[in-house]
């Protein structure tokens, strides 16, 4: 009895919009739905509201499922010229690290990507990662953004104490990707 009722009276939302599994999913199962194959645009929070009546009583419940897509093949962000950066860098010589966003099969518009989506971190062994912020670290670094795909971390006058791993992390809604490079200043 609940199976028939569930199929008739379920409301599912994905990303705040009504989502109909009979149209938006390839296969409808007896007690739910299946998305196959899962694509990046399927990543969302799916909420099902279920009402069950047996003539004497009425019961309600809500179910939520978070779907995320982690496909390393698609990539999302990478540090450019990593091989060159991993060679020893000269103390006192300006250095620019570039991070490129790769928006392959990810439903994010260019207008939704901005400098606030990328954070830079300095990671030293045995210490907590330190977020590099322009307003706090402008004496040592400049953080740049070309308007869409390239994010930069410029070392103004690096010393040996700048030797560490540096991480570029992109975050937008439920999408997250990062890349790291070890920099040595001698």
Protein backbone atom coordinates (compact mmCIF):
# COMPACT_ATOMS: atom_id res chain seq x y z
CA UNK A 1 0.00 0.00 0.00
CA UNK A 2 2.75 2.50 0.91
CA UNK A 3 4.60 1.75 -2.34
CA UNK A 4 1.67 2.87 -4.49
CA UNK A 5 0.99 5.90 -2.37
CA UNK A 6 4.67 6.93 -2.29
CA UNK A 7 4.86 6.93 -6.07
CA UNK A 8 1.80 9.12 -6.36
CA UNK A 9 2.33 11.62 -3.59
CA UNK A 10 6.03 12.33 -3.22
CA UNK A 11 7.49 15.80 -3.75
CA UNK A 12 11.26 15.98 -4.26
CA UNK A 13 13.32 19.13 -4.47
CA UNK A 14 16.87 19.46 -5.77
CA UNK A 15 18.69 22.73 -5.27
CA UNK A 16 15.40 24.31 -4.12
CA UNK A 17 13.48 23.40 -7.31
CA UNK A 18 10.86 20.68 -7.69
CA UNK A 19 12.51 17.60 -9.20
CA UNK A 20 10.46 14.89 -10.87
CA UNK A 21 12.31 11.55 -10.92
CA UNK A 22 10.00 10.16 -13.60
CA UNK A 23 11.27 12.89 -15.95
CA UNK A 24 14.67 13.87 -14.54
CA UNK A 25 16.02 10.40 -13.64
CA UNK A 26 16.52 7.53 -16.03
CA UNK A 27 14.98 4.82 -13.85
CA UNK A 28 12.27 5.07 -11.21
CA UNK A 29 12.56 2.44 -8.52
CA UNK A 30 9.69 1.04 -6.42
CA UNK A 31 10.60 3.11 -3.37
CA UNK A 32 12.60 5.96 -4.86
CA UNK A 33 14.68 6.90 -7.84
CA UNK A 34 18.05 6.22 -9.43
CA UNK A 35 20.27 8.65 -11.33
CA UNK A 36 22.41 6.68 -13.75
CA UNK A 37 24.90 7.75 -14.88
CA UNK A 38 25.54 10.52 -12.35
CA UNK A 39 26.75 13.74 -13.96
CA UNK A 40 28.14 16.89 -12.35
CA UNK A 41 24.82 18.72 -12.83
CA UNK A 42 23.11 16.03 -10.69
CA UNK A 43 25.04 17.13 -7.59
CA UNK A 44 22.49 18.64 -5.20
CA UNK A 45 20.55 18.05 -2.01
CA UNK A 46 17.48 15.93 -2.79
CA UNK A 47 14.60 16.18 -0.32
CA UNK A 48 11.62 13.80 -0.42
CA UNK A 49 8.43 14.51 1.54
CA UNK A 50 6.40 11.38 2.04
CA UNK A 51 2.81 11.14 3.35
CA UNK A 52 1.32 7.73 4.19
CA UNK A 53 -2.37 7.19 4.94
CA UNK A 54 -3.97 3.85 5.77
CA UNK A 55 -7.49 5.15 6.37
CA UNK A 56 -7.09 5.46 10.15
CA UNK A 57 -3.98 7.53 10.54
CA UNK A 58 -1.74 9.75 8.51
CA UNK A 59 2.04 9.77 8.82
CA UNK A 60 4.57 12.15 7.32
CA UNK A 61 8.30 12.01 6.99
CA UNK A 62 11.03 13.84 5.14
CA UNK A 63 14.17 12.32 3.73
CA UNK A 64 17.22 14.19 2.46
CA UNK A 65 20.12 12.86 0.41
CA UNK A 66 23.22 14.84 -0.51
CA UNK A 67 24.67 13.88 -3.89
CA UNK A 68 28.16 15.07 -4.73
CA UNK A 69 30.34 14.25 -7.69
CA UNK A 70 34.05 13.66 -7.20
CA UNK A 71 35.45 12.76 -10.60
CA UNK A 72 39.23 13.23 -10.68
CA UNK A 73 39.19 12.85 -14.47
CA UNK A 74 37.29 16.14 -14.86
CA UNK A 75 39.70 18.05 -12.66
CA UNK A 76 38.84 21.50 -11.50
CA UNK A 77 41.92 23.43 -10.55
CA UNK A 78 45.64 22.96 -11.14
CA UNK A 79 48.85 24.81 -10.42
CA UNK A 80 50.56 25.70 -13.69
CA UNK A 81 54.26 25.05 -14.42
CA UNK A 82 54.50 22.88 -11.33
CA UNK A 83 57.69 21.17 -12.51
CA UNK A 84 59.51 24.52 -12.75
CA UNK A 85 58.14 25.65 -9.40
CA UNK A 86 59.42 22.51 -7.67
CA UNK A 87 62.99 23.46 -8.57
CA UNK A 88 64.86 25.65 -6.07
CA UNK A 89 63.76 29.29 -6.22
CA UNK A 90 66.08 32.23 -5.57
CA UNK A 91 65.74 34.11 -2.30
CA UNK A 92 64.68 37.71 -2.90
CA UNK A 93 63.48 37.08 -6.47
CA UNK A 94 59.81 37.76 -7.19
CA UNK A 95 57.86 34.59 -7.98
CA UNK A 96 54.33 34.13 -9.30
CA UNK A 97 52.39 30.89 -8.80
CA UNK A 98 49.42 30.47 -11.14
CA UNK A 99 46.40 28.30 -10.50
CA UNK A 100 44.04 27.60 -13.41
CA UNK A 101 40.38 26.68 -13.02
CA UNK A 102 39.24 23.92 -15.37
CA UNK A 103 35.46 24.02 -15.61
CA UNK A 104 34.94 20.81 -17.57
CA UNK A 105 31.41 19.39 -17.25
CA UNK A 106 30.74 21.54 -14.19
CA UNK A 107 27.61 23.70 -14.31
CA UNK A 108 29.15 26.95 -13.06
CA UNK A 109 28.92 30.08 -15.15
CA UNK A 110 31.88 32.40 -15.57
CA UNK A 111 29.95 35.09 -13.69
CA UNK A 112 29.81 32.78 -10.65
CA UNK A 113 33.59 32.33 -10.47
CA UNK A 114 35.50 35.12 -8.76
CA UNK A 115 38.53 35.71 -6.58
CA UNK A 116 36.54 34.81 -3.46
CA UNK A 117 36.22 31.23 -4.72
CA UNK A 118 39.96 30.60 -4.41
CA UNK A 119 41.98 30.55 -1.21
CA UNK A 120 45.72 30.13 -0.88
CA UNK A 121 47.35 28.31 2.04
CA UNK A 122 50.88 27.95 3.34
CA UNK A 123 51.41 24.46 4.78
CA UNK A 124 54.44 23.69 6.93
CA UNK A 125 55.22 20.30 8.44
CA UNK A 126 53.87 19.98 11.98
CA UNK A 127 51.84 23.20 11.79
CA UNK A 128 48.26 24.07 10.92
CA UNK A 129 47.77 25.42 7.36
CA UNK A 130 47.73 29.23 7.27
CA UNK A 131 45.36 30.96 4.86
CA UNK A 132 47.15 33.71 2.95
CA UNK A 133 44.92 36.79 2.89
CA UNK A 134 45.68 39.93 0.92
CA UNK A 135 44.56 42.21 3.76
CA UNK A 136 46.82 40.44 6.28
CA UNK A 137 49.82 39.46 4.16
CA UNK A 138 50.12 42.22 1.53
CA UNK A 139 53.68 42.99 2.69
CA UNK A 140 54.79 39.57 1.41
CA UNK A 141 52.20 38.48 -1.17
CA UNK A 142 49.83 39.79 -3.83
CA UNK A 143 46.81 37.68 -4.65
CA UNK A 144 45.46 38.13 -8.16
CA UNK A 145 42.65 37.01 -10.40
CA UNK A 146 42.28 37.50 -14.17
CA UNK A 147 38.48 37.63 -14.16
CA UNK A 148 37.72 33.99 -14.84
CA UNK A 149 40.29 31.21 -14.98
CA UNK A 150 43.73 32.20 -13.63
CA UNK A 151 44.35 32.87 -9.93
CA UNK A 152 47.81 34.04 -8.85
CA UNK A 153 49.92 34.18 -5.71
CA UNK A 154 52.85 36.56 -6.11
CA UNK A 155 55.78 36.33 -3.71
CA UNK A 156 57.22 39.87 -3.47
CA UNK A 157 60.59 39.27 -1.80
CA UNK A 158 60.71 35.67 -0.55
CA UNK A 159 63.22 34.49 2.01
CA UNK A 160 64.20 31.02 3.14
CA UNK A 161 61.34 31.07 5.68
CA UNK A 162 58.92 30.96 2.70
CA UNK A 163 59.97 27.36 1.96
CA UNK A 164 56.75 25.35 2.37
CA UNK A 165 53.95 23.66 0.51
CA UNK A 166 51.44 26.08 -1.00
CA UNK A 167 47.87 25.07 -1.72
CA UNK A 168 45.41 26.67 -4.11
CA UNK A 169 41.82 25.68 -3.20
CA UNK A 170 38.68 26.39 -5.24
CA UNK A 171 35.27 26.25 -3.56
CA UNK A 172 31.89 27.08 -5.10
CA UNK A 173 28.72 25.74 -3.47
CA UNK A 174 29.38 21.99 -3.09
CA UNK A 175 32.29 21.90 -5.58
CA UNK A 176 35.76 21.77 -4.05
CA UNK A 177 39.12 21.14 -5.64
CA UNK A 178 42.71 21.94 -4.72
CA UNK A 179 46.27 21.54 -5.89
CA UNK A 180 49.55 21.89 -4.01
CA UNK A 181 53.18 22.59 -4.80
CA UNK A 182 56.30 22.46 -2.61
CA UNK A 183 58.40 25.61 -2.98
CA UNK A 184 62.00 25.78 -1.81
CA UNK A 185 63.79 29.13 -1.54
CA UNK A 186 67.61 29.05 -1.42
